[in-house]
PDB file of N, CA and C in Angstrom:
ATOM      1  N   MET A   1     128.299 -92.393  67.908  1.00  0.00           N
ATOM      2  CA  MET A   1     129.682 -92.834  67.889  1.00  0.00           C
ATOM      3  C   MET A   1     129.706 -94.352  68.048  1.00  0.00           C
ATOM      4  N   THR A   2     130.584 -94.971  67.318  1.00  0.00           N
ATOM      5  CA  THR A   2     130.697 -96.421  67.368  1.00  0.00           C
ATOM      6  C   THR A   2     131.237 -96.864  68.723  1.00  0.00           C
ATOM      7  N   ASN A   3     130.617 -97.896  69.279  1.00  0.00           N
ATOM      8  CA  ASN A   3     131.077 -98.420  70.566  1.00  0.00           C
ATOM      9  C   ASN A   3     132.281 -99.321  70.352  1.00  0.00           C
ATOM     10  N   MET A   4     133.377 -98.974  70.991  1.00  0.00           N
ATOM     11  CA  MET A   4     134.590 -99.786  70.954  1.00  0.00           C
ATOM     12  C   MET A   4     134.968-100.099  72.390  1.00  0.00           C
ATOM     13  N   ASN A   5     135.582-101.258  72.587  1.00  0.00           N
ATOM     14  CA  ASN A   5     136.111-101.501  73.926  1.00  0.00           C
ATOM     15  C   ASN A   5     137.392-100.684  74.093  1.00  0.00           C
ATOM     16  N   SER A   6     137.894-100.610  75.291  1.00  0.00           N
ATOM     17  CA  SER A   6     139.044 -99.751  75.598  1.00  0.00           C
ATOM     18  C   SER A   6     140.271-100.085  74.762  1.00  0.00           C
ATOM     19  N   CYS A   7     140.559-101.359  74.598  1.00  0.00           N
ATOM     20  CA  CYS A   7     141.736-101.761  73.825  1.00  0.00           C
ATOM     21  C   CYS A   7     141.596-101.393  72.351  1.00  0.00           C
ATOM     22  N   GLU A   8     140.406-101.560  71.807  1.00  0.00           N
ATOM     23  CA  GLU A   8     140.172-101.173  70.418  1.00  0.00           C
ATOM     24  C   GLU A   8     140.339 -99.671  70.233  1.00  0.00           C
ATOM     25  N   LEU A   9     139.821 -98.896  71.168  1.00  0.00           N
ATOM     26  CA  LEU A   9     139.921 -97.444  71.083  1.00  0.00           C
ATOM     27  C   LEU A   9     141.376 -96.991  71.147  1.00  0.00           C
ATOM     28  N   VAL A  10     142.145 -97.546  72.080  1.00  0.00           N
ATOM     29  CA  VAL A  10     143.561 -97.193  72.206  1.00  0.00           C
ATOM     30  C   VAL A  10     144.322 -97.568  70.938  1.00  0.00           C
ATOM     31  N   THR A  11     144.037 -98.732  70.385  1.00  0.00           N
ATOM     32  CA  THR A  11     144.695 -99.175  69.158  1.00  0.00           C
ATOM     33  C   THR A  11     144.356 -98.254  67.998  1.00  0.00           C
ATOM     34  N   TYR A  12     143.103 -97.867  67.891  1.00  0.00           N
ATOM     35  CA  TYR A  12     142.647 -96.963  66.831  1.00  0.00           C
ATOM     36  C   TYR A  12     143.356 -95.617  66.926  1.00  0.00           C
ATOM     37  N   ILE A  13     143.401 -95.049  68.118  1.00  0.00           N
ATOM     38  CA  ILE A  13     144.046 -93.751  68.320  1.00  0.00           C
ATOM     39  C   ILE A  13     145.544 -93.849  68.040  1.00  0.00           C
ATOM     40  N   SER A  14     146.173 -94.927  68.482  1.00  0.00           N
ATOM     41  CA  SER A  14     147.606 -95.118  68.227  1.00  0.00           C
ATOM     42  C   SER A  14     147.890 -95.249  66.737  1.00  0.00           C
ATOM     43  N   SER A  15     147.007 -95.920  66.020  1.00  0.00           N
ATOM     44  CA  SER A  15     147.162 -96.054  64.570  1.00  0.00           C
ATOM     45  C   SER A  15     147.091 -94.700  63.882  1.00  0.00           C
ATOM     46  N   ILE A  16     146.171 -93.866  64.320  1.00  0.00           N
ATOM     47  CA  ILE A  16     146.059 -92.516  63.760  1.00  0.00           C
ATOM     48  C   ILE A  16     147.335 -91.726  64.051  1.00  0.00           C
ATOM     49  N   ALA A  17     147.841 -91.825  65.279  1.00  0.00           N
ATOM     50  CA  ALA A  17     149.070 -91.116  65.648  1.00  0.00           C
ATOM     51  C   ALA A  17     150.249 -91.581  64.791  1.00  0.00           C
ATOM     52  N   CYS A  18     150.363 -92.873  64.577  1.00  0.00           N
ATOM     53  CA  CYS A  18     151.450 -93.400  63.741  1.00  0.00           C
ATOM     54  C   CYS A  18     151.321 -92.913  62.305  1.00  0.00           C
ATOM     55  N   PHE A  19     150.113 -92.920  61.770  1.00  0.00           N
ATOM     56  CA  PHE A  19     149.880 -92.424  60.413  1.00  0.00           C
ATOM     57  C   PHE A  19     150.285 -90.958  60.303  1.00  0.00           C
ATOM     58  N   LEU A  20     149.826 -90.150  61.253  1.00  0.00           N
ATOM     59  CA  LEU A  20     150.151 -88.724  61.220  1.00  0.00           C
ATOM     60  C   LEU A  20     151.656 -88.499  61.334  1.00  0.00           C
ATOM     61  N   SER A  21     152.327 -89.276  62.191  1.00  0.00           N
ATOM     62  CA  SER A  21     153.768 -89.085  62.380  1.00  0.00           C
ATOM     63  C   SER A  21     154.558 -89.401  61.118  1.00  0.00           C
ATOM     64  N   LYS A  22     154.034 -90.264  60.277  1.00  0.00           N
ATOM     65  CA  LYS A  22     154.710 -90.621  59.030  1.00  0.00           C
ATOM     66  C   LYS A  22     154.361 -89.675  57.883  1.00  0.00           C
ATOM     67  N   ASN A  23     153.291 -88.894  58.022  1.00  0.00           N
ATOM     68  CA  ASN A  23     152.804 -88.086  56.906  1.00  0.00           C
ATOM     69  C   ASN A  23     152.768 -86.586  57.173  1.00  0.00           C
ATOM     70  N   CYS A  24     153.204 -86.157  58.345  1.00  0.00           N
ATOM     71  CA  CYS A  24     153.197 -84.732  58.682  1.00  0.00           C
ATOM     72  C   CYS A  24     154.601 -84.298  59.083  1.00  0.00           C
ATOM     73  N   SER A  25     154.866 -83.022  58.892  1.00  0.00           N
ATOM     74  CA  SER A  25     156.155 -82.466  59.312  1.00  0.00           C
ATOM     75  C   SER A  25     156.183 -82.331  60.835  1.00  0.00           C
ATOM     76  N   THR A  26     157.375 -82.112  61.354  1.00  0.00           N
ATOM     77  CA  THR A  26     157.523 -81.902  62.795  1.00  0.00           C
ATOM     78  C   THR A  26     156.682 -80.722  63.250  1.00  0.00           C
ATOM     79  N   GLU A  27     156.701 -79.648  62.469  1.00  0.00           N
ATOM     80  CA  GLU A  27     155.931 -78.455  62.823  1.00  0.00           C
ATOM     81  C   GLU A  27     154.430 -78.751  62.843  1.00  0.00           C
ATOM     82  N   GLU A  28     153.960 -79.511  61.862  1.00  0.00           N
ATOM     83  CA  GLU A  28     152.539 -79.876  61.825  1.00  0.00           C
ATOM     84  C   GLU A  28     152.166 -80.756  63.016  1.00  0.00           C
ATOM     85  N   LEU A  29     153.041 -81.695  63.356  1.00  0.00           N
ATOM     86  CA  LEU A  29     152.773 -82.573  64.497  1.00  0.00           C
ATOM     87  C   LEU A  29     152.741 -81.798  65.803  1.00  0.00           C
ATOM     88  N   GLU A  30     153.656 -80.834  65.945  1.00  0.00           N
ATOM     89  CA  GLU A  30     153.652 -80.003  67.149  1.00  0.00           C
ATOM     90  C   GLU A  30     152.347 -79.225  67.266  1.00  0.00           C
ATOM     91  N   MET A  31     151.884 -78.670  66.146  1.00  0.00           N
ATOM     92  CA  MET A  31     150.640 -77.905  66.157  1.00  0.00           C
ATOM     93  C   MET A  31     149.447 -78.812  66.463  1.00  0.00           C
ATOM     94  N   LEU A  32     149.390 -79.983  65.825  1.00  0.00           N
ATOM     95  CA  LEU A  32     148.293 -80.920  66.091  1.00  0.00           C
ATOM     96  C   LEU A  32     148.279 -81.354  67.552  1.00  0.00           C
ATOM     97  N   ALA A  33     149.450 -81.634  68.111  1.00  0.00           N
ATOM     98  CA  ALA A  33     149.528 -82.042  69.518  1.00  0.00           C
ATOM     99  C   ALA A  33     149.003 -80.940  70.425  1.00  0.00           C
ATOM    100  N   ALA A  34     149.401 -79.705  70.150  1.00  0.00           N
ATOM    101  CA  ALA A  34     148.933 -78.581  70.970  1.00  0.00           C
ATOM    102  C   ALA A  34     147.428 -78.385  70.827  1.00  0.00           C
ATOM    103  N   ILE A  35     146.928 -78.485  69.597  1.00  0.00           N
ATOM    104  CA  ILE A  35     145.493 -78.299  69.347  1.00  0.00           C
ATOM    105  C   ILE A  35     144.678 -79.367  70.066  1.00  0.00           C
ATOM    106  N   PHE A  36     145.081 -80.632  69.925  1.00  0.00           N
ATOM    107  CA  PHE A  36     144.298 -81.704  70.541  1.00  0.00           C
ATOM    108  C   PHE A  36     144.411 -81.700  72.061  1.00  0.00           C
ATOM    109  N   SER A  37     145.555 -81.260  72.589  1.00  0.00           N
ATOM    110  CA  SER A  37     145.671 -81.115  74.046  1.00  0.00           C
ATOM    111  C   SER A  37     144.712 -80.052  74.547  1.00  0.00           C
ATOM    112  N   GLN A  38     144.688 -78.910  73.859  1.00  0.00           N
ATOM    113  CA  GLN A  38     143.781 -77.837  74.271  1.00  0.00           C
ATOM    114  C   GLN A  38     142.331 -78.266  74.110  1.00  0.00           C
ATOM    115  N   LEU A  39     142.020 -78.966  73.019  1.00  0.00           N
ATOM    116  CA  LEU A  39     140.659 -79.447  72.800  1.00  0.00           C
ATOM    117  C   LEU A  39     140.218 -80.359  73.937  1.00  0.00           C
ATOM    118  N   GLY A  40     141.069 -81.317  74.309  1.00  0.00           N
ATOM    119  CA  GLY A  40     140.734 -82.228  75.402  1.00  0.00           C
ATOM    120  C   GLY A  40     140.545 -81.510  76.724  1.00  0.00           C
ATOM    121  N   ASP A  41     141.449 -80.580  77.016  1.00  0.00           N
ATOM    122  CA  ASP A  41     141.334 -79.817  78.263  1.00  0.00           C
ATOM    123  C   ASP A  41     140.076 -78.960  78.278  1.00  0.00           C
ATOM    124  N   THR A  42     139.762 -78.336  77.150  1.00  0.00           N
ATOM    125  CA  THR A  42     138.574 -77.485  77.075  1.00  0.00           C
ATOM    126  C   THR A  42     137.301 -78.305  77.225  1.00  0.00           C
ATOM    127  N   LEU A  43     137.237 -79.460  76.569  1.00  0.00           N
ATOM    128  CA  LEU A  43     136.063 -80.325  76.713  1.00  0.00           C
ATOM    129  C   LEU A  43     135.907 -80.798  78.154  1.00  0.00           C
ATOM    130  N   ALA A  44     137.008 -81.154  78.804  1.00  0.00           N
ATOM    131  CA  ALA A  44     136.944 -81.572  80.209  1.00  0.00           C
ATOM    132  C   ALA A  44     136.438 -80.439  81.088  1.00  0.00           C
ATOM    133  N   THR A  45     136.911 -79.220  80.841  1.00  0.00           N
ATOM    134  CA  THR A  45     136.463 -78.061  81.610  1.00  0.00           C
ATOM    135  C   THR A  45     134.974 -77.823  81.424  1.00  0.00           C
ATOM    136  N   ILE A  46     134.506 -77.905  80.190  1.00  0.00           N
ATOM    137  CA  ILE A  46     133.078 -77.707  79.906  1.00  0.00           C
ATOM    138  C   ILE A  46     132.241 -78.758  80.623  1.00  0.00           C
ATOM    139  N   LEU A  47     132.652 -80.020  80.548  1.00  0.00           N
ATOM    140  CA  LEU A  47     131.889 -81.099  81.183  1.00  0.00           C
ATOM    141  C   LEU A  47     131.838 -80.949  82.695  1.00  0.00           C
ATOM    142  N   VAL A  48     132.971 -80.620  83.310  1.00  0.00           N
ATOM    143  CA  VAL A  48     133.002 -80.432  84.764  1.00  0.00           C
ATOM    144  C   VAL A  48     132.140 -79.245  85.155  1.00  0.00           C
ATOM    145  N   ASN A  49     132.235 -78.163  84.403  1.00  0.00           N
ATOM    146  CA  ASN A  49     131.443 -76.979  84.709  1.00  0.00           C
ATOM    147  C   ASN A  49     129.951 -77.269  84.586  1.00  0.00           C
ATOM    148  N   GLU A  50     129.544 -77.948  83.526  1.00  0.00           N
ATOM    149  CA  GLU A  50     128.127 -78.264  83.341  1.00  0.00           C
ATOM    150  C   GLU A  50     127.611 -79.200  84.427  1.00  0.00           C
ATOM    151  N   ALA A  51     128.459 -80.097  84.900  1.00  0.00           N
ATOM    152  CA  ALA A  51     128.044 -81.038  85.939  1.00  0.00           C
ATOM    153  C   ALA A  51     127.955 -80.385  87.316  1.00  0.00           C
ATOM    154  N   ASN A  52     128.694 -79.306  87.522  1.00  0.00           N
ATOM    155  CA  ASN A  52     128.794 -78.731  88.862  1.00  0.00           C
ATOM    156  C   ASN A  52     128.279 -77.311  89.007  1.00  0.00           C
ATOM    157  N   CYS A  53     127.859 -76.693  87.931  1.00  0.00           N
ATOM    158  CA  CYS A  53     127.415 -75.304  87.989  1.00  0.00           C
ATOM    159  C   CYS A  53     125.924 -75.223  87.698  1.00  0.00           C
ATOM    160  N   PRO A  54     125.163 -74.607  88.598  1.00  0.00           N
ATOM    161  CA  PRO A  54     123.729 -74.460  88.349  1.00  0.00           C
ATOM    162  C   PRO A  54     123.417 -73.340  87.352  1.00  0.00           C
ATOM    163  N   CYS A  55     124.456 -72.770  86.761  1.00  0.00           N
ATOM    164  CA  CYS A  55     124.286 -71.661  85.820  1.00  0.00           C
ATOM    165  C   CYS A  55     123.545 -72.136  84.571  1.00  0.00           C
ATOM    166  N   ASP A  56     122.916 -71.178  83.895  1.00  0.00           N
ATOM    167  CA  ASP A  56     122.323 -71.495  82.597  1.00  0.00           C
ATOM    168  C   ASP A  56     123.184 -70.867  81.511  1.00  0.00           C
ATOM    169  N   ASP A  57     122.924 -71.230  80.265  1.00  0.00           N
ATOM    170  CA  ASP A  57     123.719 -70.733  79.147  1.00  0.00           C
ATOM    171  C   ASP A  57     123.583 -69.232  78.955  1.00  0.00           C
ATOM    172  N   GLN A  58     122.510 -68.632  79.411  1.00  0.00           N
ATOM    173  CA  GLN A  58     122.294 -67.203  79.241  1.00  0.00           C
ATOM    174  C   GLN A  58     123.353 -66.391  79.972  1.00  0.00           C
ATOM    175  N   SER A  59     123.810 -66.860  81.128  1.00  0.00           N
ATOM    176  CA  SER A  59     124.781 -66.090  81.903  1.00  0.00           C
ATOM    177  C   SER A  59     126.111 -65.959  81.175  1.00  0.00           C
ATOM    178  N   VAL A  60     126.453 -66.927  80.336  1.00  0.00           N
ATOM    179  CA  VAL A  60     127.703 -66.878  79.588  1.00  0.00           C
ATOM    180  C   VAL A  60     127.643 -65.786  78.531  1.00  0.00           C
ATOM    181  N   SER A  61     126.498 -65.623  77.889  1.00  0.00           N
ATOM    182  CA  SER A  61     126.389 -64.630  76.822  1.00  0.00           C
ATOM    183  C   SER A  61     126.402 -63.207  77.350  1.00  0.00           C
ATOM    184  N   ASN A  62     126.213 -63.019  78.652  1.00  0.00           N
ATOM    185  CA  ASN A  62     126.215 -61.680  79.231  1.00  0.00           C
ATOM    186  C   ASN A  62     127.600 -61.215  79.651  1.00  0.00           C
ATOM    187  N   ILE A  63     128.602 -62.060  79.462  1.00  0.00           N
ATOM    188  CA  ILE A  63     129.966 -61.695  79.878  1.00  0.00           C
ATOM    189  C   ILE A  63     130.571 -60.762  78.859  1.00  0.00           C
TER     190      ILE A  63
END
């Protein structure tokens, strides 16, 4: 992944949001917002779990 400073990253993400808002319907924007919110939350959960759980990947497949 390309290294950007914080301001560059925020500007890049805001530009994408502005582009999407001009080119997608309200329904599409609502769905994208929900999808990306869930994606961010799920990635955060995975990272916290991996950092704090001594479990291995095998235990997940046995559920």
